Amino acid sequence: MKRFINDLKKYKNYIAYATWAELKTEVINSYLGWAWMILEPLAFMLIYVFIAGVIFKSTVQYFPVFVFIGLSIWNFFNKMVVASVKIVANNRDTVTKVYLPKFVLLLVKMGVNIFKMIVSFALVFLFMIFYKVPITWNVLWFIPILIVTIVFTFGVCTIMMHFGVFAEDLSNLVNIALRMVFYLTGIFFDISTKVHNVLYRTILLDLNPLANFIFNMRNVLIYSSSPVGMWTLIWFFVGILLSMIGINTIYKYENTYVKVMR
């Protein structure tokens, strides 16, 4: 991990510059520019609110905010995992011509998607004000939960990044798995009230890290309560463990990546 920290210090300026450059590129290639950063999550939120709230008559309190919180975390995780599988292949020219710690590519992509997630949560807070959601000191738990989400996502992505180099079809399997996880995560329904079987509810809320993060984020932002911290803390340490395994694996095999890319 000492090497990882040293490389972070060495390449921090490159990571910041490359992140900003990728964000600007996305804006330049879009007719709506920076507005698309707001319109994209807003459009998805309106779709799910219409389907679940209007068609299926959801009775969840502050439903638009409820959905937006789930989508903000899910979109970050989903985009990062999907991108991580092919991130080395998509940066073939960089990987084969100059030495760059391969996890740097992941951190650049993560910087882009963290920015988008922050924009999405800014909209969440605006909706909270609009719908007059009671705000208490429990909203401060927002930051620790966000940190746990980022650490866990980074850990998963380092593993996906490594195996994605050697298995071209991994992206297809990942997309199928993510679609299943999406429906088990409670983006547009409340697992704690919809799933009545105690065992199933425990499995879905605790053993699904995304559901746990979203459930706790809703608790602290909407329902003025403290997070259920035990499993969130467990997933934090799992994220650190996955990150350590992933980084060490990347360092060990990154020279092989170059050979595979050629």
Protein backbone atom coordinates (compact mmCIF):
# COMPACT_ATOMS: atom_id res chain seq x y z
CA MET A 1 0.00 0.00 0.00
CA LYS A 2 3.02 2.25 0.44
CA ARG A 3 3.60 2.11 -3.31
CA PHE A 4 -0.08 2.96 -3.88
CA ILE A 5 0.15 6.05 -1.65
CA ASN A 6 3.38 7.18 -3.33
CA ASP A 7 1.81 6.78 -6.78
CA LEU A 8 -1.23 8.74 -5.64
CA LYS A 9 1.03 11.63 -4.64
CA LYS A 10 3.04 11.36 -7.85
CA TYR A 11 0.05 11.27 -10.21
CA LYS A 12 -2.45 13.42 -8.29
CA ASN A 13 -2.06 16.33 -10.72
CA TYR A 14 -2.53 14.05 -13.71
CA ILE A 15 -5.65 12.52 -12.12
CA ALA A 16 -7.14 15.98 -11.49
CA TYR A 17 -6.30 17.23 -15.00
CA ALA A 18 -7.53 14.08 -16.75
CA THR A 19 -10.78 14.10 -14.73
CA TRP A 20 -11.49 17.71 -15.65
CA ALA A 21 -10.55 17.04 -19.30
CA GLU A 22 -12.97 14.10 -19.51
CA LEU A 23 -15.77 16.16 -17.97
CA LYS A 24 -15.15 18.96 -20.49
CA THR A 25 -15.10 16.45 -23.34
CA GLU A 26 -18.50 15.11 -22.31
CA VAL A 27 -19.85 18.66 -22.17
CA ILE A 28 -18.40 19.61 -25.56
CA ASN A 29 -19.92 16.52 -27.18
CA SER A 30 -23.37 17.36 -25.80
CA TYR A 31 -25.71 19.97 -27.27
CA LEU A 32 -26.99 20.81 -23.79
CA GLY A 33 -23.52 21.16 -22.25
CA TRP A 34 -23.34 21.26 -18.46
CA ALA A 35 -27.13 21.26 -18.26
CA TRP A 36 -27.09 17.58 -19.22
CA MET A 37 -25.41 16.80 -15.88
CA ILE A 38 -28.65 17.94 -14.25
CA LEU A 39 -31.15 16.81 -16.86
CA GLU A 40 -29.94 13.19 -17.09
CA PRO A 41 -30.56 12.19 -13.44
CA LEU A 42 -33.69 14.35 -13.34
CA ALA A 43 -35.13 12.59 -16.39
CA PHE A 44 -34.54 9.13 -14.90
CA MET A 45 -36.08 10.23 -11.62
CA LEU A 46 -39.22 11.50 -13.39
CA ILE A 47 -39.55 8.23 -15.32
CA TYR A 48 -39.45 6.09 -12.18
CA VAL A 49 -41.70 8.47 -10.25
CA PHE A 50 -44.26 8.25 -13.04
CA ILE A 51 -44.11 4.45 -13.32
CA ALA A 52 -44.09 3.63 -9.61
CA GLY A 53 -45.87 6.68 -8.23
CA VAL A 54 -48.57 7.27 -10.82
CA ILE A 55 -49.13 3.88 -12.47
CA PHE A 56 -48.48 1.61 -9.48
CA LYS A 57 -49.74 4.15 -6.91
CA SER A 58 -46.77 4.09 -4.54
CA THR A 59 -47.61 5.48 -1.10
CA VAL A 60 -44.00 6.08 -0.03
CA GLN A 61 -43.62 9.45 1.70
CA TYR A 62 -41.65 12.09 -0.25
CA PHE A 63 -41.51 9.63 -3.15
CA PRO A 64 -39.59 11.81 -5.68
CA VAL A 65 -36.83 12.39 -3.10
CA PHE A 66 -36.96 8.71 -2.15
CA VAL A 67 -36.36 7.67 -5.78
CA PHE A 68 -33.72 10.32 -6.44
CA ILE A 69 -31.58 9.15 -3.51
CA GLY A 70 -31.66 5.58 -4.78
CA LEU A 71 -30.82 6.59 -8.35
CA SER A 72 -27.95 8.86 -7.27
CA ILE A 73 -26.12 6.02 -5.52
CA TRP A 74 -27.09 3.34 -8.04
CA ASN A 75 -26.05 5.35 -11.11
CA PHE A 76 -22.62 6.00 -9.59
CA PHE A 77 -22.03 2.33 -8.77
CA ASN A 78 -23.51 1.04 -12.03
CA LYS A 79 -21.52 3.39 -14.28
CA MET A 80 -18.27 2.71 -12.44
CA VAL A 81 -18.56 -1.09 -12.54
CA VAL A 82 -19.57 -1.12 -16.23
CA ALA A 83 -16.73 1.25 -17.15
CA SER A 84 -14.11 -0.57 -15.08
CA VAL A 85 -14.44 -3.83 -17.04
CA LYS A 86 -13.21 -2.25 -20.28
CA ILE A 87 -11.24 0.69 -18.93
CA VAL A 88 -7.83 -0.78 -19.81
CA ALA A 89 -8.92 -1.77 -23.33
CA ASN A 90 -10.50 1.65 -23.89
CA ASN A 91 -7.19 3.29 -22.97
CA ARG A 92 -5.08 0.98 -25.14
CA ASP A 93 -2.92 3.78 -26.57
CA THR A 94 -1.99 5.09 -23.13
CA VAL A 95 -1.41 1.64 -21.64
CA THR A 96 0.84 0.40 -24.46
CA LYS A 97 2.93 3.55 -24.99
CA VAL A 98 3.68 5.04 -21.57
CA TYR A 99 3.86 3.70 -18.04
CA LEU A 100 0.99 4.73 -15.87
CA PRO A 101 -0.25 2.87 -12.79
CA LYS A 102 -3.36 1.27 -14.21
CA PHE A 103 -5.52 2.16 -11.20
CA VAL A 104 -5.02 5.82 -12.19
CA LEU A 105 -7.35 5.21 -15.14
CA LEU A 106 -9.94 4.02 -12.65
CA LEU A 107 -9.48 7.04 -10.38
CA VAL A 108 -9.99 9.41 -13.32
CA LYS A 109 -13.26 7.71 -14.22
CA MET A 110 -14.24 7.71 -10.56
CA GLY A 111 -13.57 11.45 -10.31
CA VAL A 112 -15.93 12.06 -13.24
CA ASN A 113 -18.71 9.97 -11.75
CA ILE A 114 -18.26 11.36 -8.24
CA PHE A 115 -18.77 14.82 -9.71
CA LYS A 116 -21.98 13.63 -11.38
CA MET A 117 -23.16 12.00 -8.15
CA ILE A 118 -22.54 15.23 -6.23
CA VAL A 119 -24.62 17.14 -8.80
CA SER A 120 -27.35 14.53 -8.40
CA PHE A 121 -27.33 14.87 -4.61
CA ALA A 122 -27.45 18.65 -4.95
CA LEU A 123 -30.75 18.09 -6.75
CA VAL A 124 -31.81 15.75 -3.93
CA PHE A 125 -31.33 18.55 -1.39
CA LEU A 126 -33.26 20.98 -3.59
CA PHE A 127 -36.13 18.50 -3.79
CA MET A 128 -35.98 18.08 -0.01
CA ILE A 129 -36.50 21.81 0.36
CA PHE A 130 -39.27 21.84 -2.26
CA TYR A 131 -41.17 18.97 -0.60
CA LYS A 132 -40.49 20.39 2.88
CA VAL A 133 -38.68 17.31 4.14
CA PRO A 134 -37.75 17.82 7.83
CA ILE A 135 -33.99 18.36 8.11
CA THR A 136 -32.17 17.39 11.30
CA TRP A 137 -28.57 16.89 12.37
CA ASN A 138 -28.81 13.33 11.10
CA VAL A 139 -28.18 14.65 7.57
CA LEU A 140 -24.51 14.88 8.58
CA TRP A 141 -24.39 11.09 8.26
CA PHE A 142 -24.68 11.76 4.53
CA ILE A 143 -20.90 12.20 4.26
CA PRO A 144 -19.80 8.94 6.00
CA ILE A 145 -22.34 6.92 3.98
CA LEU A 146 -21.09 8.53 0.78
CA ILE A 147 -17.48 7.71 1.70
CA VAL A 148 -18.39 4.06 2.37
CA THR A 149 -20.16 3.91 -1.01
CA ILE A 150 -17.11 5.31 -2.81
CA VAL A 151 -14.63 3.01 -1.03
CA PHE A 152 -16.73 -0.09 -1.68
CA THR A 153 -17.25 0.87 -5.33
CA PHE A 154 -13.53 1.44 -5.82
CA GLY A 155 -12.77 -1.98 -4.34
CA VAL A 156 -15.23 -3.76 -6.63
CA CYS A 157 -13.98 -1.84 -9.67
CA THR A 158 -10.33 -2.75 -9.10
CA ILE A 159 -11.30 -6.43 -9.24
CA MET A 160 -13.49 -5.93 -12.31
CA MET A 161 -10.75 -3.91 -14.00
CA HIS A 162 -8.22 -6.73 -13.61
CA PHE A 163 -10.43 -9.55 -14.86
CA GLY A 164 -11.85 -7.36 -17.64
CA VAL A 165 -8.44 -7.33 -19.32
CA PHE A 166 -8.43 -11.11 -19.76
CA ALA A 167 -12.14 -11.82 -20.28
CA GLU A 168 -13.68 -9.80 -23.09
CA ASP A 169 -17.16 -11.19 -22.45
CA LEU A 170 -17.10 -10.19 -18.78
CA SER A 171 -18.95 -6.97 -19.59
CA ASN A 172 -21.97 -9.00 -20.78
CA LEU A 173 -22.08 -10.98 -17.55
CA VAL A 174 -21.62 -7.80 -15.50
CA ASN A 175 -24.55 -6.10 -17.26
CA ILE A 176 -26.81 -9.07 -16.52
CA ALA A 177 -25.71 -9.20 -12.87
CA LEU A 178 -26.17 -5.45 -12.42
CA ARG A 179 -29.67 -5.62 -13.87
CA MET A 180 -30.60 -8.28 -11.31
CA VAL A 181 -29.02 -6.28 -8.47
CA PHE A 182 -30.93 -3.19 -9.61
CA TYR A 183 -34.29 -4.89 -9.03
CA LEU A 184 -33.13 -6.28 -5.68
CA THR A 185 -31.87 -2.93 -4.40
CA GLY A 186 -35.16 -1.11 -3.86
CA ILE A 187 -34.56 1.88 -6.09
CA PHE A 188 -38.27 2.63 -6.43
CA PHE A 189 -39.75 0.67 -3.51
CA ASP A 190 -39.06 0.34 0.21
CA ILE A 191 -37.60 -3.09 0.96
CA SER A 192 -38.23 -2.69 4.69
CA THR A 193 -42.00 -2.45 4.14
CA LYS A 194 -42.56 -4.37 0.88
CA VAL A 195 -40.67 -7.52 1.90
CA HIS A 196 -42.51 -9.05 4.87
CA ASN A 197 -40.42 -12.19 5.35
CA VAL A 198 -37.83 -11.30 7.99
CA LEU A 199 -35.13 -13.55 6.53
CA TYR A 200 -35.56 -12.23 2.97
CA ARG A 201 -35.68 -8.64 4.22
CA THR A 202 -32.44 -9.15 6.17
CA ILE A 203 -30.74 -10.70 3.14
CA LEU A 204 -31.86 -7.96 0.77
CA LEU A 205 -31.01 -5.07 3.09
CA ASP A 206 -27.83 -6.29 4.77
CA LEU A 207 -26.19 -8.65 2.31
CA ASN A 208 -26.81 -6.33 -0.64
CA PRO A 209 -24.40 -3.44 0.00
CA LEU A 210 -26.12 -1.10 -2.45
CA ALA A 211 -29.49 -1.64 -0.76
CA ASN A 212 -27.83 -1.00 2.60
CA PHE A 213 -26.24 2.27 1.46
CA ILE A 214 -29.46 3.50 -0.13
CA PHE A 215 -31.60 2.46 2.83
CA ASN A 216 -29.34 4.31 5.29
CA MET A 217 -29.04 7.37 3.04
CA ARG A 218 -32.83 7.60 2.94
CA ASN A 219 -33.00 7.20 6.70
CA VAL A 220 -30.69 10.13 7.40
CA LEU A 221 -31.99 12.46 4.67
CA ILE A 222 -35.74 11.78 4.63
CA TYR A 223 -36.71 10.13 7.89
CA SER A 224 -34.48 12.06 10.32
CA SER A 225 -33.05 8.89 11.84
CA SER A 226 -29.57 7.52 12.37
CA PRO A 227 -28.16 4.89 10.00
CA VAL A 228 -28.17 1.21 10.90
CA GLY A 229 -24.43 1.23 11.22
CA MET A 230 -23.23 -2.34 11.75
CA TRP A 231 -23.58 -3.64 8.21
CA THR A 232 -22.53 -0.32 6.70
CA LEU A 233 -19.32 -0.53 8.74
CA ILE A 234 -18.84 -4.15 7.64
CA TRP A 235 -19.18 -3.16 3.98
CA PHE A 236 -16.70 -0.33 4.54
CA PHE A 237 -14.05 -2.81 5.69
CA VAL A 238 -15.02 -5.17 2.86
CA GLY A 239 -14.44 -2.26 0.48
CA ILE A 240 -11.00 -1.60 1.97
CA LEU A 241 -10.13 -5.30 1.72
CA LEU A 242 -11.27 -5.48 -1.90
CA SER A 243 -9.29 -2.32 -2.67
CA MET A 244 -6.12 -3.80 -1.17
CA ILE A 245 -6.57 -7.06 -3.06
CA GLY A 246 -7.40 -5.25 -6.28
CA ILE A 247 -4.50 -2.79 -6.09
CA ASN A 248 -1.98 -5.52 -5.26
CA THR A 249 -3.31 -7.65 -8.13
CA ILE A 250 -3.09 -4.74 -10.56
CA TYR A 251 0.49 -4.00 -9.54
CA LYS A 252 1.39 -7.67 -9.91
CA TYR A 253 -0.09 -8.16 -13.38
CA GLU A 254 -0.06 -4.68 -14.95
CA ASN A 255 2.91 -5.55 -17.18
CA THR A 256 0.87 -8.48 -18.47
CA TYR A 257 -1.92 -6.07 -19.42
CA VAL A 258 0.38 -4.46 -21.97
CA LYS A 259 1.12 -7.82 -23.59
CA VAL A 260 -2.58 -8.69 -23.76
CA MET A 261 -3.39 -5.34 -25.34
CA ARG A 262 -0.91 -5.83 -28.18
